Amino acid sequence: MLNRWLYLILAIVLEVIGTTAMKLSDGLTRLGPTVAMALCYAGAFVAMAIAIKRIDVSVAYAIWAGVGTALIAVIGMAVFDEPLTWFKLVCLALIIAGVVGLELA
């Protein structure tokens, strides 16, 4: 059985891939990315459900949401040419600091 943290990492990766596929689906009008999105989100929820059997839900969800948000922001800027600003970088750093703080608490 995979370590509980590996399930959380899997949930994050699947959610990030699913969100990227959602962007690529062009409003759910493209079949391939739409199917990929649905499968990835389903897998993410399954992996998260397994992870929170052994990780506090408050910590797991904060890590899932925070890391996922940060990764999607980076993908948006790197892949989809979204603007990179100092304010975005500061906000991403705050997200990461919050996730680390929750884990340390």
PDB file of N, CA and C in Angstrom:
ATOM      1  N   MET A   1       0.837  -1.188   0.000  1.00  0.00           N
ATOM      2  CA  MET A   1       0.000   0.000   0.000  1.00  0.00           C
ATOM      3  C   MET A   1       0.882   1.252   0.000  1.00  0.00           C
ATOM      4  N   LEU A   2       0.487   2.213  -0.807  1.00  0.00           N
ATOM      5  CA  LEU A   2       1.261   3.447  -0.884  1.00  0.00           C
ATOM      6  C   LEU A   2       1.182   4.232   0.420  1.00  0.00           C
ATOM      7  N   ASN A   3       2.223   4.910   0.708  1.00  0.00           N
ATOM      8  CA  ASN A   3       2.268   5.806   1.852  1.00  0.00           C
ATOM      9  C   ASN A   3       1.175   6.870   1.712  1.00  0.00           C
ATOM     10  N   ARG A   4       0.602   7.304   2.827  1.00  0.00           N
ATOM     11  CA  ARG A   4      -0.488   8.289   2.797  1.00  0.00           C
ATOM     12  C   ARG A   4      -0.082   9.580   2.099  1.00  0.00           C
ATOM     13  N   TRP A   5       1.177   9.961   2.223  1.00  0.00           N
ATOM     14  CA  TRP A   5       1.644  11.190   1.571  1.00  0.00           C
ATOM     15  C   TRP A   5       1.738  11.007   0.062  1.00  0.00           C
ATOM     16  N   LEU A   6       2.041   9.794  -0.369  1.00  0.00           N
ATOM     17  CA  LEU A   6       2.072   9.532  -1.811  1.00  0.00           C
ATOM     18  C   LEU A   6       0.673   9.642  -2.406  1.00  0.00           C
ATOM     19  N   TYR A   7      -0.338   9.212  -1.641  1.00  0.00           N
ATOM     20  CA  TYR A   7      -1.720   9.387  -2.112  1.00  0.00           C
ATOM     21  C   TYR A   7      -2.072  10.865  -2.209  1.00  0.00           C
ATOM     22  N   LEU A   8      -1.610  11.653  -1.262  1.00  0.00           N
ATOM     23  CA  LEU A   8      -1.867  13.094  -1.318  1.00  0.00           C
ATOM     24  C   LEU A   8      -1.158  13.714  -2.521  1.00  0.00           C
ATOM     25  N   ILE A   9       0.076  13.325  -2.756  1.00  0.00           N
ATOM     26  CA  ILE A   9       0.811  13.828  -3.922  1.00  0.00           C
ATOM     27  C   ILE A   9       0.095  13.417  -5.205  1.00  0.00           C
ATOM     28  N   LEU A  10      -0.365  12.176  -5.270  1.00  0.00           N
ATOM     29  CA  LEU A  10      -1.105  11.704  -6.438  1.00  0.00           C
ATOM     30  C   LEU A  10      -2.373  12.533  -6.637  1.00  0.00           C
ATOM     31  N   ALA A  11      -3.081  12.823  -5.546  1.00  0.00           N
ATOM     32  CA  ALA A  11      -4.297  13.641  -5.633  1.00  0.00           C
ATOM     33  C   ALA A  11      -3.979  15.026  -6.188  1.00  0.00           C
ATOM     34  N   ILE A  12      -2.882  15.610  -5.745  1.00  0.00           N
ATOM     35  CA  ILE A  12      -2.478  16.940  -6.223  1.00  0.00           C
ATOM     36  C   ILE A  12      -2.133  16.893  -7.705  1.00  0.00           C
ATOM     37  N   VAL A  13      -1.335  15.916  -8.091  1.00  0.00           N
ATOM     38  CA  VAL A  13      -0.919  15.806  -9.500  1.00  0.00           C
ATOM     39  C   VAL A  13      -2.137  15.602 -10.404  1.00  0.00           C
ATOM     40  N   LEU A  14      -3.030  14.720 -10.010  1.00  0.00           N
ATOM     41  CA  LEU A  14      -4.227  14.474 -10.827  1.00  0.00           C
ATOM     42  C   LEU A  14      -5.118  15.707 -10.906  1.00  0.00           C
ATOM     43  N   GLU A  15      -5.242  16.433  -9.802  1.00  0.00           N
ATOM     44  CA  GLU A  15      -6.062  17.653  -9.814  1.00  0.00           C
ATOM     45  C   GLU A  15      -5.450  18.716 -10.722  1.00  0.00           C
ATOM     46  N   VAL A  16      -4.137  18.849 -10.694  1.00  0.00           N
ATOM     47  CA  VAL A  16      -3.452  19.833 -11.539  1.00  0.00           C
ATOM     48  C   VAL A  16      -3.591  19.441 -13.013  1.00  0.00           C
ATOM     49  N   ILE A  17      -3.419  18.173 -13.326  1.00  0.00           N
ATOM     50  CA  ILE A  17      -3.607  17.716 -14.708  1.00  0.00           C
ATOM     51  C   ILE A  17      -5.062  17.936 -15.134  1.00  0.00           C
ATOM     52  N   GLY A  18      -5.994  17.631 -14.246  1.00  0.00           N
ATOM     53  CA  GLY A  18      -7.410  17.825 -14.558  1.00  0.00           C
ATOM     54  C   GLY A  18      -7.749  19.288 -14.812  1.00  0.00           C
ATOM     55  N   THR A  19      -7.199  20.174 -14.019  1.00  0.00           N
ATOM     56  CA  THR A  19      -7.459  21.602 -14.213  1.00  0.00           C
ATOM     57  C   THR A  19      -6.823  22.105 -15.503  1.00  0.00           C
ATOM     58  N   THR A  20      -5.640  21.620 -15.809  1.00  0.00           N
ATOM     59  CA  THR A  20      -4.999  21.983 -17.078  1.00  0.00           C
ATOM     60  C   THR A  20      -5.833  21.467 -18.252  1.00  0.00           C
ATOM     61  N   ALA A  21      -6.337  20.241 -18.130  1.00  0.00           N
ATOM     62  CA  ALA A  21      -7.203  19.685 -19.174  1.00  0.00           C
ATOM     63  C   ALA A  21      -8.481  20.498 -19.313  1.00  0.00           C
ATOM     64  N   MET A  22      -8.998  21.011 -18.185  1.00  0.00           N
ATOM     65  CA  MET A  22     -10.197  21.843 -18.247  1.00  0.00           C
ATOM     66  C   MET A  22      -9.932  23.089 -19.097  1.00  0.00           C
ATOM     67  N   LYS A  23      -8.782  23.707 -18.905  1.00  0.00           N
ATOM     68  CA  LYS A  23      -8.415  24.868 -19.719  1.00  0.00           C
ATOM     69  C   LYS A  23      -8.324  24.474 -21.190  1.00  0.00           C
ATOM     70  N   LEU A  24      -7.717  23.332 -21.453  1.00  0.00           N
ATOM     71  CA  LEU A  24      -7.548  22.865 -22.833  1.00  0.00           C
ATOM     72  C   LEU A  24      -8.858  22.405 -23.474  1.00  0.00           C
ATOM     73  N   SER A  25      -9.880  22.135 -22.655  1.00  0.00           N
ATOM     74  CA  SER A  25     -11.157  21.647 -23.183  1.00  0.00           C
ATOM     75  C   SER A  25     -11.960  22.742 -23.880  1.00  0.00           C
ATOM     76  N   ASP A  26     -11.530  23.981 -23.732  1.00  0.00           N
ATOM     77  CA  ASP A  26     -12.207  25.124 -24.374  1.00  0.00           C
ATOM     78  C   ASP A  26     -13.692  25.150 -23.992  1.00  0.00           C
ATOM     79  N   GLY A  27     -13.929  25.210 -22.679  1.00  0.00           N
ATOM     80  CA  GLY A  27     -15.313  25.260 -22.206  1.00  0.00           C
ATOM     81  C   GLY A  27     -16.054  23.952 -22.376  1.00  0.00           C
ATOM     82  N   LEU A  28     -15.331  22.844 -22.247  1.00  0.00           N
ATOM     83  CA  LEU A  28     -15.873  21.486 -22.387  1.00  0.00           C
ATOM     84  C   LEU A  28     -16.374  21.197 -23.802  1.00  0.00           C
ATOM     85  N   THR A  29     -15.819  21.877 -24.792  1.00  0.00           N
ATOM     86  CA  THR A  29     -16.219  21.647 -26.179  1.00  0.00           C
ATOM     87  C   THR A  29     -15.284  20.688 -26.915  1.00  0.00           C
ATOM     88  N   ARG A  30     -14.153  20.345 -26.319  1.00  0.00           N
ATOM     89  CA  ARG A  30     -13.214  19.401 -26.932  1.00  0.00           C
ATOM     90  C   ARG A  30     -13.237  18.111 -26.124  1.00  0.00           C
ATOM     91  N   LEU A  31     -13.558  17.010 -26.803  1.00  0.00           N
ATOM     92  CA  LEU A  31     -13.811  15.733 -26.127  1.00  0.00           C
ATOM     93  C   LEU A  31     -12.605  15.201 -25.359  1.00  0.00           C
ATOM     94  N   GLY A  32     -11.448  15.152 -25.985  1.00  0.00           N
ATOM     95  CA  GLY A  32     -10.265  14.563 -25.348  1.00  0.00           C
ATOM     96  C   GLY A  32      -9.923  15.222 -24.013  1.00  0.00           C
ATOM     97  N   PRO A  33      -9.717  16.536 -24.008  1.00  0.00           N
ATOM     98  CA  PRO A  33      -9.410  17.192 -22.729  1.00  0.00           C
ATOM     99  C   PRO A  33     -10.552  17.096 -21.714  1.00  0.00           C
ATOM    100  N   THR A  34     -11.800  17.072 -22.186  1.00  0.00           N
ATOM    101  CA  THR A  34     -12.939  16.959 -21.273  1.00  0.00           C
ATOM    102  C   THR A  34     -12.934  15.610 -20.575  1.00  0.00           C
ATOM    103  N   VAL A  35     -12.676  14.545 -21.324  1.00  0.00           N
ATOM    104  CA  VAL A  35     -12.604  13.204 -20.736  1.00  0.00           C
ATOM    105  C   VAL A  35     -11.414  13.113 -19.780  1.00  0.00           C
ATOM    106  N   ALA A  36     -10.270  13.655 -20.203  1.00  0.00           N
ATOM    107  CA  ALA A  36      -9.090  13.646 -19.337  1.00  0.00           C
ATOM    108  C   ALA A  36      -9.372  14.379 -18.031  1.00  0.00           C
ATOM    109  N   MET A  37     -10.049  15.526 -18.125  1.00  0.00           N
ATOM    110  CA  MET A  37     -10.404  16.298 -16.942  1.00  0.00           C
ATOM    111  C   MET A  37     -11.258  15.463 -15.985  1.00  0.00           C
ATOM    112  N   ALA A  38     -12.303  14.831 -16.507  1.00  0.00           N
ATOM    113  CA  ALA A  38     -13.209  14.046 -15.670  1.00  0.00           C
ATOM    114  C   ALA A  38     -12.485  12.881 -15.005  1.00  0.00           C
ATOM    115  N   LEU A  39     -11.659  12.178 -15.757  1.00  0.00           N
ATOM    116  CA  LEU A  39     -10.926  11.042 -15.202  1.00  0.00           C
ATOM    117  C   LEU A  39      -9.921  11.482 -14.142  1.00  0.00           C
ATOM    118  N   CYS A  40      -9.225  12.571 -14.426  1.00  0.00           N
ATOM    119  CA  CYS A  40      -8.241  13.065 -13.455  1.00  0.00           C
ATOM    120  C   CYS A  40      -8.906  13.541 -12.178  1.00  0.00           C
ATOM    121  N   TYR A  41     -10.011  14.260 -12.292  1.00  0.00           N
ATOM    122  CA  TYR A  41     -10.711  14.712 -11.089  1.00  0.00           C
ATOM    123  C   TYR A  41     -11.241  13.522 -10.286  1.00  0.00           C
ATOM    124  N   ALA A  42     -11.782  12.522 -10.967  1.00  0.00           N
ATOM    125  CA  ALA A  42     -12.263  11.327 -10.253  1.00  0.00           C
ATOM    126  C   ALA A  42     -11.108  10.654  -9.518  1.00  0.00           C
ATOM    127  N   GLY A  43     -10.002  10.494 -10.206  1.00  0.00           N
ATOM    128  CA  GLY A  43      -8.824   9.891  -9.572  1.00  0.00           C
ATOM    129  C   GLY A  43      -8.293  10.717  -8.415  1.00  0.00           C
ATOM    130  N   ALA A  44      -8.328  12.046  -8.566  1.00  0.00           N
ATOM    131  CA  ALA A  44      -7.864  12.926  -7.500  1.00  0.00           C
ATOM    132  C   ALA A  44      -8.714  12.767  -6.245  1.00  0.00           C
ATOM    133  N   PHE A  45     -10.035  12.670  -6.426  1.00  0.00           N
ATOM    134  CA  PHE A  45     -10.908  12.518  -5.265  1.00  0.00           C
ATOM    135  C   PHE A  45     -10.723  11.159  -4.591  1.00  0.00           C
ATOM    136  N   VAL A  46     -10.491  10.120  -5.376  1.00  0.00           N
ATOM    137  CA  VAL A  46     -10.234   8.799  -4.800  1.00  0.00           C
ATOM    138  C   VAL A  46      -8.934   8.823  -4.004  1.00  0.00           C
ATOM    139  N   ALA A  47      -7.883   9.367  -4.604  1.00  0.00           N
ATOM    140  CA  ALA A  47      -6.593   9.430  -3.909  1.00  0.00           C
ATOM    141  C   ALA A  47      -6.692  10.286  -2.648  1.00  0.00           C
ATOM    142  N   MET A  48      -7.418  11.391  -2.721  1.00  0.00           N
ATOM    143  CA  MET A  48      -7.583  12.258  -1.550  1.00  0.00           C
ATOM    144  C   MET A  48      -8.361  11.531  -0.456  1.00  0.00           C
ATOM    145  N   ALA A  49      -9.386  10.795  -0.832  1.00  0.00           N
ATOM    146  CA  ALA A  49     -10.170  10.042   0.156  1.00  0.00           C
ATOM    147  C   ALA A  49      -9.299   9.031   0.894  1.00  0.00           C
ATOM    148  N   ILE A  50      -8.398   8.394   0.168  1.00  0.00           N
ATOM    149  CA  ILE A  50      -7.487   7.434   0.800  1.00  0.00           C
ATOM    150  C   ILE A  50      -6.494   8.165   1.698  1.00  0.00           C
ATOM    151  N   ALA A  51      -5.986   9.298   1.222  1.00  0.00           N
ATOM    152  CA  ALA A  51      -5.001  10.056   2.002  1.00  0.00           C
ATOM    153  C   ALA A  51      -5.578  10.535   3.328  1.00  0.00           C
ATOM    154  N   ILE A  52      -6.821  11.011   3.317  1.00  0.00           N
ATOM    155  CA  ILE A  52      -7.372  11.577   4.557  1.00  0.00           C
ATOM    156  C   ILE A  52      -7.840  10.520   5.558  1.00  0.00           C
ATOM    157  N   LYS A  53      -7.686   9.266   5.185  1.00  0.00           N
ATOM    158  CA  LYS A  53      -7.919   8.218   6.179  1.00  0.00           C
ATOM    159  C   LYS A  53      -6.836   8.278   7.255  1.00  0.00           C
ATOM    160  N   ARG A  54      -5.650   8.775   6.883  1.00  0.00           N
ATOM    161  CA  ARG A  54      -4.520   8.768   7.809  1.00  0.00           C
ATOM    162  C   ARG A  54      -3.849  10.128   7.979  1.00  0.00           C
ATOM    163  N   ILE A  55      -4.343  11.144   7.302  1.00  0.00           N
ATOM    164  CA  ILE A  55      -3.831  12.512   7.468  1.00  0.00           C
ATOM    165  C   ILE A  55      -5.017  13.357   7.924  1.00  0.00           C
ATOM    166  N   ASP A  56      -4.777  14.261   8.869  1.00  0.00           N
ATOM    167  CA  ASP A  56      -5.852  15.162   9.292  1.00  0.00           C
ATOM    168  C   ASP A  56      -6.421  15.869   8.067  1.00  0.00           C
ATOM    169  N   VAL A  57      -7.745  15.893   7.964  1.00  0.00           N
ATOM    170  CA  VAL A  57      -8.387  16.470   6.787  1.00  0.00           C
ATOM    171  C   VAL A  57      -8.027  17.951   6.626  1.00  0.00           C
ATOM    172  N   SER A  58      -7.883  18.666   7.727  1.00  0.00           N
ATOM    173  CA  SER A  58      -7.543  20.091   7.626  1.00  0.00           C
ATOM    174  C   SER A  58      -6.171  20.281   7.000  1.00  0.00           C
ATOM    175  N   VAL A  59      -5.234  19.464   7.380  1.00  0.00           N
ATOM    176  CA  VAL A  59      -3.873  19.558   6.841  1.00  0.00           C
ATOM    177  C   VAL A  59      -3.848  19.081   5.394  1.00  0.00           C
ATOM    178  N   ALA A  60      -4.450  17.924   5.133  1.00  0.00           N
ATOM    179  CA  ALA A  60      -4.432  17.364   3.775  1.00  0.00           C
ATOM    180  C   ALA A  60      -5.102  18.305   2.786  1.00  0.00           C
ATOM    181  N   TYR A  61      -6.252  18.855   3.159  1.00  0.00           N
ATOM    182  CA  TYR A  61      -6.966  19.723   2.228  1.00  0.00           C
ATOM    183  C   TYR A  61      -6.211  21.020   1.996  1.00  0.00           C
ATOM    184  N   ALA A  62      -5.616  21.559   3.037  1.00  0.00           N
ATOM    185  CA  ALA A  62      -4.835  22.788   2.872  1.00  0.00           C
ATOM    186  C   ALA A  62      -3.648  22.553   1.939  1.00  0.00           C
ATOM    187  N   ILE A  63      -2.980  21.436   2.108  1.00  0.00           N
ATOM    188  CA  ILE A  63      -1.843  21.119   1.235  1.00  0.00           C
ATOM    189  C   ILE A  63      -2.335  20.895  -0.186  1.00  0.00           C
ATOM    190  N   TRP A  64      -3.407  20.132  -0.349  1.00  0.00           N
ATOM    191  CA  TRP A  64      -3.961  19.841  -1.673  1.00  0.00           C
ATOM    192  C   TRP A  64      -4.355  21.131  -2.383  1.00  0.00           C
ATOM    193  N   ALA A  65      -5.100  21.963  -1.702  1.00  0.00           N
ATOM    194  CA  ALA A  65      -5.573  23.205  -2.313  1.00  0.00           C
ATOM    195  C   ALA A  65      -4.422  24.184  -2.554  1.00  0.00           C
ATOM    196  N   GLY A  66      -3.546  24.333  -1.568  1.00  0.00           N
ATOM    197  CA  GLY A  66      -2.458  25.300  -1.687  1.00  0.00           C
ATOM    198  C   GLY A  66      -1.442  24.929  -2.751  1.00  0.00           C
ATOM    199  N   VAL A  67      -0.976  23.701  -2.707  1.00  0.00           N
ATOM    200  CA  VAL A  67       0.019  23.261  -3.698  1.00  0.00           C
ATOM    201  C   VAL A  67      -0.608  23.223  -5.088  1.00  0.00           C
ATOM    202  N   GLY A  68      -1.849  22.728  -5.172  1.00  0.00           N
ATOM    203  CA  GLY A  68      -2.537  22.707  -6.464  1.00  0.00           C
ATOM    204  C   GLY A  68      -2.705  24.096  -7.038  1.00  0.00           C
ATOM    205  N   THR A  69      -3.117  25.041  -6.206  1.00  0.00           N
ATOM    206  CA  THR A  69      -3.281  26.426  -6.657  1.00  0.00           C
ATOM    207  C   THR A  69      -1.966  27.014  -7.127  1.00  0.00           C
ATOM    208  N   ALA A  70      -0.906  26.793  -6.365  1.00  0.00           N
ATOM    209  CA  ALA A  70       0.401  27.320  -6.748  1.00  0.00           C
ATOM    210  C   ALA A  70       0.879  26.709  -8.066  1.00  0.00           C
ATOM    211  N   LEU A  71       0.724  25.398  -8.214  1.00  0.00           N
ATOM    212  CA  LEU A  71       1.155  24.752  -9.456  1.00  0.00           C
ATOM    213  C   LEU A  71       0.347  25.230 -10.662  1.00  0.00           C
ATOM    214  N   ILE A  72      -0.962  25.388 -10.481  1.00  0.00           N
ATOM    215  CA  ILE A  72      -1.787  25.871 -11.587  1.00  0.00           C
ATOM    216  C   ILE A  72      -1.406  27.294 -11.960  1.00  0.00           C
ATOM    217  N   ALA A  73      -1.094  28.114 -10.975  1.00  0.00           N
ATOM    218  CA  ALA A  73      -0.661  29.484 -11.270  1.00  0.00           C
ATOM    219  C   ALA A  73       0.629  29.476 -12.089  1.00  0.00           C
ATOM    220  N   VAL A  74       1.561  28.630 -11.711  1.00  0.00           N
ATOM    221  CA  VAL A  74       2.827  28.523 -12.453  1.00  0.00           C
ATOM    222  C   VAL A  74       2.574  27.997 -13.867  1.00  0.00           C
ATOM    223  N   ILE A  75       1.730  26.975 -13.998  1.00  0.00           N
ATOM    224  CA  ILE A  75       1.399  26.441 -15.328  1.00  0.00           C
ATOM    225  C   ILE A  75       0.706  27.509 -16.170  1.00  0.00           C
ATOM    226  N   GLY A  76      -0.199  28.255 -15.559  1.00  0.00           N
ATOM    227  CA  GLY A  76      -0.882  29.325 -16.288  1.00  0.00           C
ATOM    228  C   GLY A  76       0.094  30.333 -16.851  1.00  0.00           C
ATOM    229  N   MET A  77       1.089  30.698 -16.054  1.00  0.00           N
ATOM    230  CA  MET A  77       2.074  31.676 -16.520  1.00  0.00           C
ATOM    231  C   MET A  77       3.044  31.069 -17.535  1.00  0.00           C
ATOM    232  N   ALA A  78       3.454  29.822 -17.313  1.00  0.00           N
ATOM    233  CA  ALA A  78       4.459  29.199 -18.174  1.00  0.00           C
ATOM    234  C   ALA A  78       3.883  28.665 -19.480  1.00  0.00           C
ATOM    235  N   VAL A  79       2.674  28.099 -19.421  1.00  0.00           N
ATOM    236  CA  VAL A  79       2.113  27.411 -20.587  1.00  0.00           C
ATOM    237  C   VAL A  79       1.078  28.267 -21.315  1.00  0.00           C
ATOM    238  N   PHE A  80       0.262  28.973 -20.553  1.00  0.00           N
ATOM    239  CA  PHE A  80      -0.850  29.712 -21.156  1.00  0.00           C
ATOM    240  C   PHE A  80      -0.584  31.214 -21.252  1.00  0.00           C
ATOM    241  N   ASP A  81       0.663  31.602 -21.067  1.00  0.00           N
ATOM    242  CA  ASP A  81       1.096  33.002 -21.229  1.00  0.00           C
ATOM    243  C   ASP A  81       0.317  33.986 -20.366  1.00  0.00           C
ATOM    244  N   GLU A  82      -0.090  33.567 -19.181  1.00  0.00           N
ATOM    245  CA  GLU A  82      -0.715  34.498 -18.258  1.00  0.00           C
ATOM    246  C   GLU A  82       0.375  35.416 -17.707  1.00  0.00           C
ATOM    247  N   PRO A  83       0.036  36.660 -17.401  1.00  0.00           N
ATOM    248  CA  PRO A  83       1.070  37.606 -16.967  1.00  0.00           C
ATOM    249  C   PRO A  83       1.685  37.223 -15.622  1.00  0.00           C
ATOM    250  N   LEU A  84       2.990  37.417 -15.526  1.00  0.00           N
ATOM    251  CA  LEU A  84       3.732  37.193 -14.285  1.00  0.00           C
ATOM    252  C   LEU A  84       3.971  38.557 -13.648  1.00  0.00           C
ATOM    253  N   THR A  85       3.482  38.717 -12.434  1.00  0.00           N
ATOM    254  CA  THR A  85       3.679  39.987 -11.730  1.00  0.00           C
ATOM    255  C   THR A  85       4.305  39.712 -10.369  1.00  0.00           C
ATOM    256  N   TRP A  86       4.877  40.746  -9.792  1.00  0.00           N
ATOM    257  CA  TRP A  86       5.452  40.618  -8.454  1.00  0.00           C
ATOM    258  C   TRP A  86       4.372  40.259  -7.448  1.00  0.00           C
ATOM    259  N   PHE A  87       3.183  40.833  -7.626  1.00  0.00           N
ATOM    260  CA  PHE A  87       2.087  40.553  -6.702  1.00  0.00           C
ATOM    261  C   PHE A  87       1.709  39.069  -6.743  1.00  0.00           C
ATOM    262  N   LYS A  88       1.669  38.496  -7.937  1.00  0.00           N
ATOM    263  CA  LYS A  88       1.377  37.059  -8.047  1.00  0.00           C
ATOM    264  C   LYS A  88       2.451  36.231  -7.349  1.00  0.00           C
ATOM    265  N   LEU A  89       3.705  36.612  -7.532  1.00  0.00           N
ATOM    266  CA  LEU A  89       4.795  35.876  -6.896  1.00  0.00           C
ATOM    267  C   LEU A  89       4.709  35.959  -5.369  1.00  0.00           C
ATOM    268  N   VAL A  90       4.391  37.133  -4.853  1.00  0.00           N
ATOM    269  CA  VAL A  90       4.243  37.291  -3.403  1.00  0.00           C
ATOM    270  C   VAL A  90       3.084  36.438  -2.902  1.00  0.00           C
ATOM    271  N   CYS A  91       1.984  36.444  -3.620  1.00  0.00           N
ATOM    272  CA  CYS A  91       0.819  35.646  -3.212  1.00  0.00           C
ATOM    273  C   CYS A  91       1.126  34.151  -3.248  1.00  0.00           C
ATOM    274  N   LEU A  92       1.851  33.710  -4.264  1.00  0.00           N
ATOM    275  CA  LEU A  92       2.252  32.297  -4.326  1.00  0.00           C
ATOM    276  C   LEU A  92       3.151  31.946  -3.146  1.00  0.00           C
ATOM    277  N   ALA A  93       4.060  32.846  -2.799  1.00  0.00           N
ATOM    278  CA  ALA A  93       4.938  32.607  -1.650  1.00  0.00           C
ATOM    279  C   ALA A  93       4.120  32.520  -0.361  1.00  0.00           C
ATOM    280  N   LEU A  94       3.096  33.345  -0.237  1.00  0.00           N
ATOM    281  CA  LEU A  94       2.238  33.294   0.944  1.00  0.00           C
ATOM    282  C   LEU A  94       1.456  31.980   1.018  1.00  0.00           C
ATOM    283  N   ILE A  95       1.008  31.494  -0.132  1.00  0.00           N
ATOM    284  CA  ILE A  95       0.314  30.200  -0.157  1.00  0.00           C
ATOM    285  C   ILE A  95       1.248  29.102   0.341  1.00  0.00           C
ATOM    286  N   ILE A  96       2.442  29.087  -0.191  1.00  0.00           N
ATOM    287  CA  ILE A  96       3.416  28.069   0.197  1.00  0.00           C
ATOM    288  C   ILE A  96       3.757  28.192   1.686  1.00  0.00           C
ATOM    289  N   ALA A  97       3.931  29.420   2.169  1.00  0.00           N
ATOM    290  CA  ALA A  97       4.221  29.629   3.590  1.00  0.00           C
ATOM    291  C   ALA A  97       3.057  29.135   4.450  1.00  0.00           C
ATOM    292  N   GLY A  98       1.830  29.357   4.014  1.00  0.00           N
ATOM    293  CA  GLY A  98       0.678  28.894   4.759  1.00  0.00           C
ATOM    294  C   GLY A  98       0.607  27.385   4.826  1.00  0.00           C
ATOM    295  N   VAL A  99       0.886  26.727   3.725  1.00  0.00           N
ATOM    296  CA  VAL A  99       0.874  25.263   3.694  1.00  0.00           C
ATOM    297  C   VAL A  99       1.948  24.706   4.619  1.00  0.00           C
ATOM    298  N   VAL A 100       3.149  25.274   4.554  1.00  0.00           N
ATOM    299  CA  VAL A 100       4.234  24.831   5.424  1.00  0.00           C
ATOM    300  C   VAL A 100       3.858  25.077   6.889  1.00  0.00           C
ATOM    301  N   GLY A 101       3.285  26.238   7.167  1.00  0.00           N
ATOM    302  CA  GLY A 101       2.877  26.552   8.534  1.00  0.00           C
ATOM    303  C   GLY A 101       1.856  25.577   9.072  1.00  0.00           C
ATOM    304  N   LEU A 102       0.880  25.214   8.264  1.00  0.00           N
ATOM    305  CA  LEU A 102      -0.114  24.234   8.704  1.00  0.00           C
ATOM    306  C   LEU A 102       0.518  22.883   8.989  1.00  0.00           C
ATOM    307  N   GLU A 103       1.436  22.489   8.159  1.00  0.00           N
ATOM    308  CA  GLU A 103       2.092  21.198   8.364  1.00  0.00           C
ATOM    309  C   GLU A 103       2.919  21.218   9.652  1.00  0.00           C
ATOM    310  N   LEU A 104       3.578  22.339   9.908  1.00  0.00           N
ATOM    311  CA  LEU A 104       4.390  22.431  11.127  1.00  0.00           C
ATOM    312  C   LEU A 104       3.537  22.519  12.392  1.00  0.00           C
ATOM    313  N   ALA A 105       2.323  23.044  12.235  1.00  0.00           N
ATOM    314  CA  ALA A 105       1.442  23.173  13.399  1.00  0.00           C
ATOM    315  C   ALA A 105       0.945  21.806  13.803  1.00  0.00           C
TER     316      ALA A 105
END
